[in-house]
PDB file of all heavy atoms in Angstrom:
ATOM      1  N   SER A   1     -10.501  -6.520  13.950  1.00  0.00           N
ATOM      2  CA  SER A   1     -10.526  -6.714  12.493  1.00  0.00           C
ATOM      3  C   SER A   1      -9.894  -5.541  11.757  1.00  0.00           C
ATOM      4  O   SER A   1      -9.051  -5.730  10.880  1.00  0.00           O
ATOM      5  CB  SER A   1     -11.959  -6.875  11.999  1.00  0.00           C
ATOM      6  OG  SER A   1     -12.546  -8.010  12.549  1.00  0.00           O
ATOM      7  N   PHE A   2     -10.309  -4.336  12.122  1.00  0.00           N
ATOM      8  CA  PHE A   2      -9.794  -3.159  11.421  1.00  0.00           C
ATOM      9  C   PHE A   2      -8.330  -2.887  11.747  1.00  0.00           C
ATOM     10  O   PHE A   2      -7.581  -2.420  10.895  1.00  0.00           O
ATOM     11  CB  PHE A   2     -10.670  -1.935  11.677  1.00  0.00           C
ATOM     12  CG  PHE A   2     -11.925  -1.940  10.852  1.00  0.00           C
ATOM     13  CD1 PHE A   2     -13.169  -2.063  11.440  1.00  0.00           C
ATOM     14  CD2 PHE A   2     -11.862  -1.855   9.471  1.00  0.00           C
ATOM     15  CE1 PHE A   2     -14.324  -2.089  10.674  1.00  0.00           C
ATOM     16  CE2 PHE A   2     -13.010  -1.873   8.690  1.00  0.00           C
ATOM     17  CZ  PHE A   2     -14.246  -2.001   9.294  1.00  0.00           C
ATOM     18  N   ASN A   3      -7.919  -3.197  12.971  1.00  0.00           N
ATOM     19  CA  ASN A   3      -6.501  -3.029  13.301  1.00  0.00           C
ATOM     20  C   ASN A   3      -5.640  -4.011  12.511  1.00  0.00           C
ATOM     21  O   ASN A   3      -4.557  -3.652  12.055  1.00  0.00           O
ATOM     22  CB  ASN A   3      -6.271  -3.183  14.802  1.00  0.00           C
ATOM     23  CG  ASN A   3      -6.693  -1.947  15.568  1.00  0.00           C
ATOM     24  OD1 ASN A   3      -6.868  -0.877  15.006  1.00  0.00           O
ATOM     25  ND2 ASN A   3      -6.873  -2.093  16.863  1.00  0.00           N
ATOM     26  N   SER A   4      -6.133  -5.235  12.336  1.00  0.00           N
ATOM     27  CA  SER A   4      -5.399  -6.214  11.520  1.00  0.00           C
ATOM     28  C   SER A   4      -5.296  -5.730  10.079  1.00  0.00           C
ATOM     29  O   SER A   4      -4.240  -5.841   9.451  1.00  0.00           O
ATOM     30  CB  SER A   4      -6.101  -7.565  11.547  1.00  0.00           C
ATOM     31  OG  SER A   4      -6.075  -8.098  12.832  1.00  0.00           O
ATOM     32  N   LEU A   5      -6.387  -5.204   9.573  1.00  0.00           N
ATOM     33  CA  LEU A   5      -6.397  -4.685   8.209  1.00  0.00           C
ATOM     34  C   LEU A   5      -5.433  -3.504   8.072  1.00  0.00           C
ATOM     35  O   LEU A   5      -4.673  -3.420   7.104  1.00  0.00           O
ATOM     36  CB  LEU A   5      -7.819  -4.273   7.826  1.00  0.00           C
ATOM     37  CG  LEU A   5      -8.113  -3.970   6.379  1.00  0.00           C
ATOM     38  CD1 LEU A   5      -7.637  -5.076   5.447  1.00  0.00           C
ATOM     39  CD2 LEU A   5      -9.607  -3.746   6.189  1.00  0.00           C
ATOM     40  N   LEU A   6      -5.430  -2.623   9.064  1.00  0.00           N
ATOM     41  CA  LEU A   6      -4.496  -1.491   9.054  1.00  0.00           C
ATOM     42  C   LEU A   6      -3.049  -1.971   9.090  1.00  0.00           C
ATOM     43  O   LEU A   6      -2.200  -1.431   8.385  1.00  0.00           O
ATOM     44  CB  LEU A   6      -4.746  -0.572  10.251  1.00  0.00           C
ATOM     45  CG  LEU A   6      -5.719   0.572  10.056  1.00  0.00           C
ATOM     46  CD1 LEU A   6      -5.817   1.404  11.332  1.00  0.00           C
ATOM     47  CD2 LEU A   6      -5.363   1.453   8.884  1.00  0.00           C
ATOM     48  N   ASP A   7      -2.775  -2.975   9.916  1.00  0.00           N
ATOM     49  CA  ASP A   7      -1.416  -3.526   9.983  1.00  0.00           C
ATOM     50  C   ASP A   7      -0.982  -4.051   8.624  1.00  0.00           C
ATOM     51  O   ASP A   7       0.158  -3.853   8.205  1.00  0.00           O
ATOM     52  CB  ASP A   7      -1.329  -4.654  11.020  1.00  0.00           C
ATOM     53  CG  ASP A   7      -1.417  -4.144  12.449  1.00  0.00           C
ATOM     54  OD1 ASP A   7      -1.260  -2.919  12.654  1.00  0.00           O
ATOM     55  OD2 ASP A   7      -1.653  -4.964  13.353  1.00  0.00           O
ATOM     56  N   GLU A   8      -1.896  -4.711   7.943  1.00  0.00           N
ATOM     57  CA  GLU A   8      -1.593  -5.257   6.614  1.00  0.00           C
ATOM     58  C   GLU A   8      -1.323  -4.127   5.623  1.00  0.00           C
ATOM     59  O   GLU A   8      -0.371  -4.170   4.856  1.00  0.00           O
ATOM     60  CB  GLU A   8      -2.752  -6.135   6.136  1.00  0.00           C
ATOM     61  CG  GLU A   8      -2.467  -6.913   4.881  1.00  0.00           C
ATOM     62  CD  GLU A   8      -1.361  -7.951   5.035  1.00  0.00           C
ATOM     63  OE1 GLU A   8      -1.200  -8.523   6.113  1.00  0.00           O
ATOM     64  OE2 GLU A   8      -0.642  -8.167   4.040  1.00  0.00           O
ATOM     65  N   ILE A   9      -2.171  -3.107   5.652  1.00  0.00           N
ATOM     66  CA  ILE A   9      -2.023  -1.972   4.739  1.00  0.00           C
ATOM     67  C   ILE A   9      -0.700  -1.238   4.982  1.00  0.00           C
ATOM     68  O   ILE A   9      -0.072  -0.735   4.061  1.00  0.00           O
ATOM     69  CB  ILE A   9      -3.222  -1.005   4.894  1.00  0.00           C
ATOM     70  CG1 ILE A   9      -4.468  -1.618   4.266  1.00  0.00           C
ATOM     71  CG2 ILE A   9      -2.945   0.343   4.257  1.00  0.00           C
ATOM     72  CD1 ILE A   9      -5.746  -0.847   4.532  1.00  0.00           C
ATOM     73  N   LYS A  10      -0.278  -1.191   6.239  1.00  0.00           N
ATOM     74  CA  LYS A  10       0.950  -0.480   6.597  1.00  0.00           C
ATOM     75  C   LYS A  10       2.199  -1.366   6.471  1.00  0.00           C
ATOM     76  O   LYS A  10       3.307  -0.903   6.732  1.00  0.00           O
ATOM     77  CB  LYS A  10       0.860   0.046   8.036  1.00  0.00           C
ATOM     78  CG  LYS A  10      -0.355   0.916   8.305  1.00  0.00           C
ATOM     79  CD  LYS A  10      -0.142   2.345   7.913  1.00  0.00           C
ATOM     80  CE  LYS A  10      -1.315   3.216   8.283  1.00  0.00           C
ATOM     81  NZ  LYS A  10      -2.076   3.706   7.169  1.00  0.00           N
ATOM     82  N   SER A  11       2.014  -2.611   6.061  1.00  0.00           N
ATOM     83  CA  SER A  11       3.165  -3.519   5.953  1.00  0.00           C
ATOM     84  C   SER A  11       4.131  -3.049   4.870  1.00  0.00           C
ATOM     85  O   SER A  11       3.757  -2.341   3.929  1.00  0.00           O
ATOM     86  CB  SER A  11       2.694  -4.942   5.643  1.00  0.00           C
ATOM     87  OG  SER A  11       2.223  -5.034   4.319  1.00  0.00           O
ATOM     88  N   SER A  12       5.389  -3.451   4.988  1.00  0.00           N
ATOM     89  CA  SER A  12       6.419  -2.989   4.042  1.00  0.00           C
ATOM     90  C   SER A  12       6.118  -3.484   2.625  1.00  0.00           C
ATOM     91  O   SER A  12       6.362  -2.766   1.652  1.00  0.00           O
ATOM     92  CB  SER A  12       7.797  -3.444   4.491  1.00  0.00           C
ATOM     93  OG  SER A  12       7.861  -4.855   4.535  1.00  0.00           O
ATOM     94  N   ARG A  13       5.561  -4.680   2.509  1.00  0.00           N
ATOM     95  CA  ARG A  13       5.227  -5.229   1.187  1.00  0.00           C
ATOM     96  C   ARG A  13       4.222  -4.325   0.472  1.00  0.00           C
ATOM     97  O   ARG A  13       4.415  -3.960  -0.694  1.00  0.00           O
ATOM     98  CB  ARG A  13       4.649  -6.639   1.374  1.00  0.00           C
ATOM     99  CG  ARG A  13       4.249  -7.343   0.103  1.00  0.00           C
ATOM    100  CD  ARG A  13       3.766  -8.758   0.421  1.00  0.00           C
ATOM    101  NE  ARG A  13       2.525  -8.757   1.180  1.00  0.00           N
ATOM    102  CZ  ARG A  13       1.323  -8.978   0.646  1.00  0.00           C
ATOM    103  NH1 ARG A  13       1.209  -9.248  -0.642  1.00  0.00           N
ATOM    104  NH2 ARG A  13       0.242  -8.961   1.384  1.00  0.00           N
ATOM    105  N   VAL A  14       3.157  -3.965   1.184  1.00  0.00           N
ATOM    106  CA  VAL A  14       2.129  -3.107   0.583  1.00  0.00           C
ATOM    107  C   VAL A  14       2.698  -1.719   0.300  1.00  0.00           C
ATOM    108  O   VAL A  14       2.459  -1.152  -0.770  1.00  0.00           O
ATOM    109  CB  VAL A  14       0.879  -3.032   1.491  1.00  0.00           C
ATOM    110  CG1 VAL A  14      -0.113  -2.003   0.968  1.00  0.00           C
ATOM    111  CG2 VAL A  14       0.218  -4.403   1.600  1.00  0.00           C
ATOM    112  N   LYS A  15       3.487  -1.186   1.222  1.00  0.00           N
ATOM    113  CA  LYS A  15       4.080   0.148   1.024  1.00  0.00           C
ATOM    114  C   LYS A  15       4.974   0.180  -0.219  1.00  0.00           C
ATOM    115  O   LYS A  15       4.970   1.164  -0.962  1.00  0.00           O
ATOM    116  CB  LYS A  15       4.876   0.571   2.261  1.00  0.00           C
ATOM    117  CG  LYS A  15       4.012   1.064   3.388  1.00  0.00           C
ATOM    118  CD  LYS A  15       4.870   1.549   4.540  1.00  0.00           C
ATOM    119  CE  LYS A  15       4.018   2.184   5.614  1.00  0.00           C
ATOM    120  NZ  LYS A  15       4.820   2.678   6.728  1.00  0.00           N
ATOM    121  N   LYS A  16       5.720  -0.897  -0.431  1.00  0.00           N
ATOM    122  CA  LYS A  16       6.590  -0.958  -1.612  1.00  0.00           C
ATOM    123  C   LYS A  16       5.759  -0.925  -2.891  1.00  0.00           C
ATOM    124  O   LYS A  16       6.081  -0.204  -3.835  1.00  0.00           O
ATOM    125  CB  LYS A  16       7.449  -2.230  -1.582  1.00  0.00           C
ATOM    126  CG  LYS A  16       8.592  -2.172  -0.614  1.00  0.00           C
ATOM    127  CD  LYS A  16       9.328  -3.509  -0.565  1.00  0.00           C
ATOM    128  CE  LYS A  16      10.328  -3.522   0.587  1.00  0.00           C
ATOM    129  NZ  LYS A  16      10.872  -4.861   0.826  1.00  0.00           N
ATOM    130  N   ILE A  17       4.710  -1.714  -2.914  1.00  0.00           N
ATOM    131  CA  ILE A  17       3.845  -1.757  -4.108  1.00  0.00           C
ATOM    132  C   ILE A  17       3.219  -0.392  -4.360  1.00  0.00           C
ATOM    133  O   ILE A  17       3.203   0.099  -5.499  1.00  0.00           O
ATOM    134  CB  ILE A  17       2.769  -2.859  -3.952  1.00  0.00           C
ATOM    135  CG1 ILE A  17       3.450  -4.239  -3.998  1.00  0.00           C
ATOM    136  CG2 ILE A  17       1.694  -2.744  -5.031  1.00  0.00           C
ATOM    137  CD1 ILE A  17       2.549  -5.400  -3.650  1.00  0.00           C
ATOM    138  N   ILE A  18       2.727   0.251  -3.305  1.00  0.00           N
ATOM    139  CA  ILE A  18       2.100   1.570  -3.449  1.00  0.00           C
ATOM    140  C   ILE A  18       3.128   2.594  -3.932  1.00  0.00           C
ATOM    141  O   ILE A  18       2.825   3.411  -4.806  1.00  0.00           O
ATOM    142  CB  ILE A  18       1.437   2.018  -2.118  1.00  0.00           C
ATOM    143  CG1 ILE A  18       0.306   1.053  -1.729  1.00  0.00           C
ATOM    144  CG2 ILE A  18       0.934   3.449  -2.198  1.00  0.00           C
ATOM    145  CD1 ILE A  18      -0.791   0.869  -2.767  1.00  0.00           C
ATOM    146  N   SER A  19       4.354   2.533  -3.419  1.00  0.00           N
ATOM    147  CA  SER A  19       5.365   3.502  -3.866  1.00  0.00           C
ATOM    148  C   SER A  19       5.753   3.280  -5.329  1.00  0.00           C
ATOM    149  O   SER A  19       5.998   4.251  -6.059  1.00  0.00           O
ATOM    150  CB  SER A  19       6.593   3.490  -2.950  1.00  0.00           C
ATOM    151  OG  SER A  19       7.239   2.247  -3.015  1.00  0.00           O
ATOM    152  N   ILE A  20       5.781   2.035  -5.765  1.00  0.00           N
ATOM    153  CA  ILE A  20       6.050   1.748  -7.194  1.00  0.00           C
ATOM    154  C   ILE A  20       4.941   2.337  -8.050  1.00  0.00           C
ATOM    155  O   ILE A  20       5.195   2.977  -9.080  1.00  0.00           O
ATOM    156  CB  ILE A  20       6.199   0.230  -7.440  1.00  0.00           C
ATOM    157  CG1 ILE A  20       7.482  -0.289  -6.783  1.00  0.00           C
ATOM    158  CG2 ILE A  20       6.191  -0.086  -8.935  1.00  0.00           C
ATOM    159  CD1 ILE A  20       7.577  -1.809  -6.712  1.00  0.00           C
ATOM    160  N   LEU A  21       3.685   2.141  -7.596  1.00  0.00           N
ATOM    161  CA  LEU A  21       2.548   2.677  -8.354  1.00  0.00           C
ATOM    162  C   LEU A  21       2.521   4.211  -8.315  1.00  0.00           C
ATOM    163  O   LEU A  21       2.096   4.844  -9.274  1.00  0.00           O
ATOM    164  CB  LEU A  21       1.233   2.089  -7.829  1.00  0.00           C
ATOM    165  CG  LEU A  21       1.036   0.591  -8.108  1.00  0.00           C
ATOM    166  CD1 LEU A  21      -0.276   0.101  -7.520  1.00  0.00           C
ATOM    167  CD2 LEU A  21       1.100   0.289  -9.602  1.00  0.00           C
ATOM    168  N   GLN A  22       3.004   4.791  -7.233  1.00  0.00           N
ATOM    169  CA  GLN A  22       3.103   6.261  -7.172  1.00  0.00           C
ATOM    170  C   GLN A  22       4.120   6.757  -8.198  1.00  0.00           C
ATOM    171  O   GLN A  22       3.867   7.735  -8.902  1.00  0.00           O
ATOM    172  CB  GLN A  22       3.507   6.716  -5.764  1.00  0.00           C
ATOM    173  CG  GLN A  22       2.369   6.697  -4.784  1.00  0.00           C
ATOM    174  CD  GLN A  22       2.810   6.975  -3.355  1.00  0.00           C
ATOM    175  OE1 GLN A  22       3.956   6.735  -2.980  1.00  0.00           O
ATOM    176  NE2 GLN A  22       1.882   7.478  -2.558  1.00  0.00           N
ATOM    177  N   ALA A  23       5.238   6.071  -8.277  1.00  0.00           N
ATOM    178  CA  ALA A  23       6.270   6.448  -9.250  1.00  0.00           C
ATOM    179  C   ALA A  23       5.748   6.311 -10.673  1.00  0.00           C
ATOM    180  O   ALA A  23       6.103   7.102 -11.552  1.00  0.00           O
ATOM    181  CB  ALA A  23       7.518   5.587  -9.054  1.00  0.00           C
ATOM    182  N   ALA A  24       4.873   5.313 -10.887  1.00  0.00           N
ATOM    183  CA  ALA A  24       4.303   5.091 -12.218  1.00  0.00           C
ATOM    184  C   ALA A  24       3.056   5.958 -12.457  1.00  0.00           C
ATOM    185  O   ALA A  24       2.437   5.875 -13.516  1.00  0.00           O
ATOM    186  CB  ALA A  24       3.953   3.613 -12.382  1.00  0.00           C
ATOM    187  N   ARG A  25       2.707   6.764 -11.474  1.00  0.00           N
ATOM    188  CA  ARG A  25       1.516   7.627 -11.552  1.00  0.00           C
ATOM    189  C   ARG A  25       0.248   6.834 -11.891  1.00  0.00           C
ATOM    190  O   ARG A  25      -0.549   7.220 -12.761  1.00  0.00           O
ATOM    191  CB  ARG A  25       1.715   8.764 -12.551  1.00  0.00           C
ATOM    192  CG  ARG A  25       2.885   9.674 -12.240  1.00  0.00           C
ATOM    193  CD  ARG A  25       2.774  10.966 -13.048  1.00  0.00           C
ATOM    194  NE  ARG A  25       3.961  11.788 -13.045  1.00  0.00           N
ATOM    195  CZ  ARG A  25       4.451  12.460 -12.006  1.00  0.00           C
ATOM    196  NH1 ARG A  25       3.886  12.369 -10.849  1.00  0.00           N
ATOM    197  NH2 ARG A  25       5.538  13.208 -12.132  1.00  0.00           N
ATOM    198  N   SER A  26       0.061   5.759 -11.164  1.00  0.00           N
ATOM    199  CA  SER A  26      -1.091   4.877 -11.384  1.00  0.00           C
ATOM    200  C   SER A  26      -2.390   5.551 -10.959  1.00  0.00           C
ATOM    201  O   SER A  26      -2.449   6.223  -9.927  1.00  0.00           O
ATOM    202  CB  SER A  26      -0.908   3.582 -10.600  1.00  0.00           C
ATOM    203  OG  SER A  26      -2.081   2.814 -10.651  1.00  0.00           O
ATOM    204  N   LYS A  27      -3.431   5.326 -11.741  1.00  0.00           N
ATOM    205  CA  LYS A  27      -4.741   5.896 -11.443  1.00  0.00           C
ATOM    206  C   LYS A  27      -5.463   5.128 -10.327  1.00  0.00           C
ATOM    207  O   LYS A  27      -6.435   5.623  -9.765  1.00  0.00           O
ATOM    208  CB  LYS A  27      -5.586   5.942 -12.707  1.00  0.00           C
ATOM    209  CG  LYS A  27      -5.019   6.895 -13.751  1.00  0.00           C
ATOM    210  CD  LYS A  27      -5.986   7.094 -14.900  1.00  0.00           C
ATOM    211  CE  LYS A  27      -5.497   7.968 -16.020  1.00  0.00           C
ATOM    212  NZ  LYS A  27      -4.290   8.701 -15.875  1.00  0.00           N
ATOM    213  N   THR A  28      -5.007   3.929 -10.024  1.00  0.00           N
ATOM    214  CA  THR A  28      -5.661   3.138  -8.965  1.00  0.00           C
ATOM    215  C   THR A  28      -5.394   3.719  -7.572  1.00  0.00           C
ATOM    216  O   THR A  28      -6.109   3.393  -6.629  1.00  0.00           O
ATOM    217  CB  THR A  28      -5.180   1.670  -8.977  1.00  0.00           C
ATOM    218  OG1 THR A  28      -3.763   1.652  -8.826  1.00  0.00           O
ATOM    219  CG2 THR A  28      -5.591   0.952 -10.230  1.00  0.00           C
ATOM    220  N   LEU A  29      -4.392   4.575  -7.468  1.00  0.00           N
ATOM    221  CA  LEU A  29      -4.021   5.101  -6.153  1.00  0.00           C
ATOM    222  C   LEU A  29      -5.083   6.013  -5.550  1.00  0.00           C
ATOM    223  O   LEU A  29      -5.190   6.104  -4.320  1.00  0.00           O
ATOM    224  CB  LEU A  29      -2.683   5.833  -6.223  1.00  0.00           C
ATOM    225  CG  LEU A  29      -1.480   4.917  -6.439  1.00  0.00           C
ATOM    226  CD1 LEU A  29      -0.205   5.727  -6.506  1.00  0.00           C
ATOM    227  CD2 LEU A  29      -1.385   3.867  -5.345  1.00  0.00           C
TER     228      LEU A  29
END
């Protein structure tokens, strides 16, 4: 279960969203 969740978190889609939010200095990060 946790490995699947980690795979999802490390996916390119999630990484792109997180990098956009980093650029926007989002507080959710």
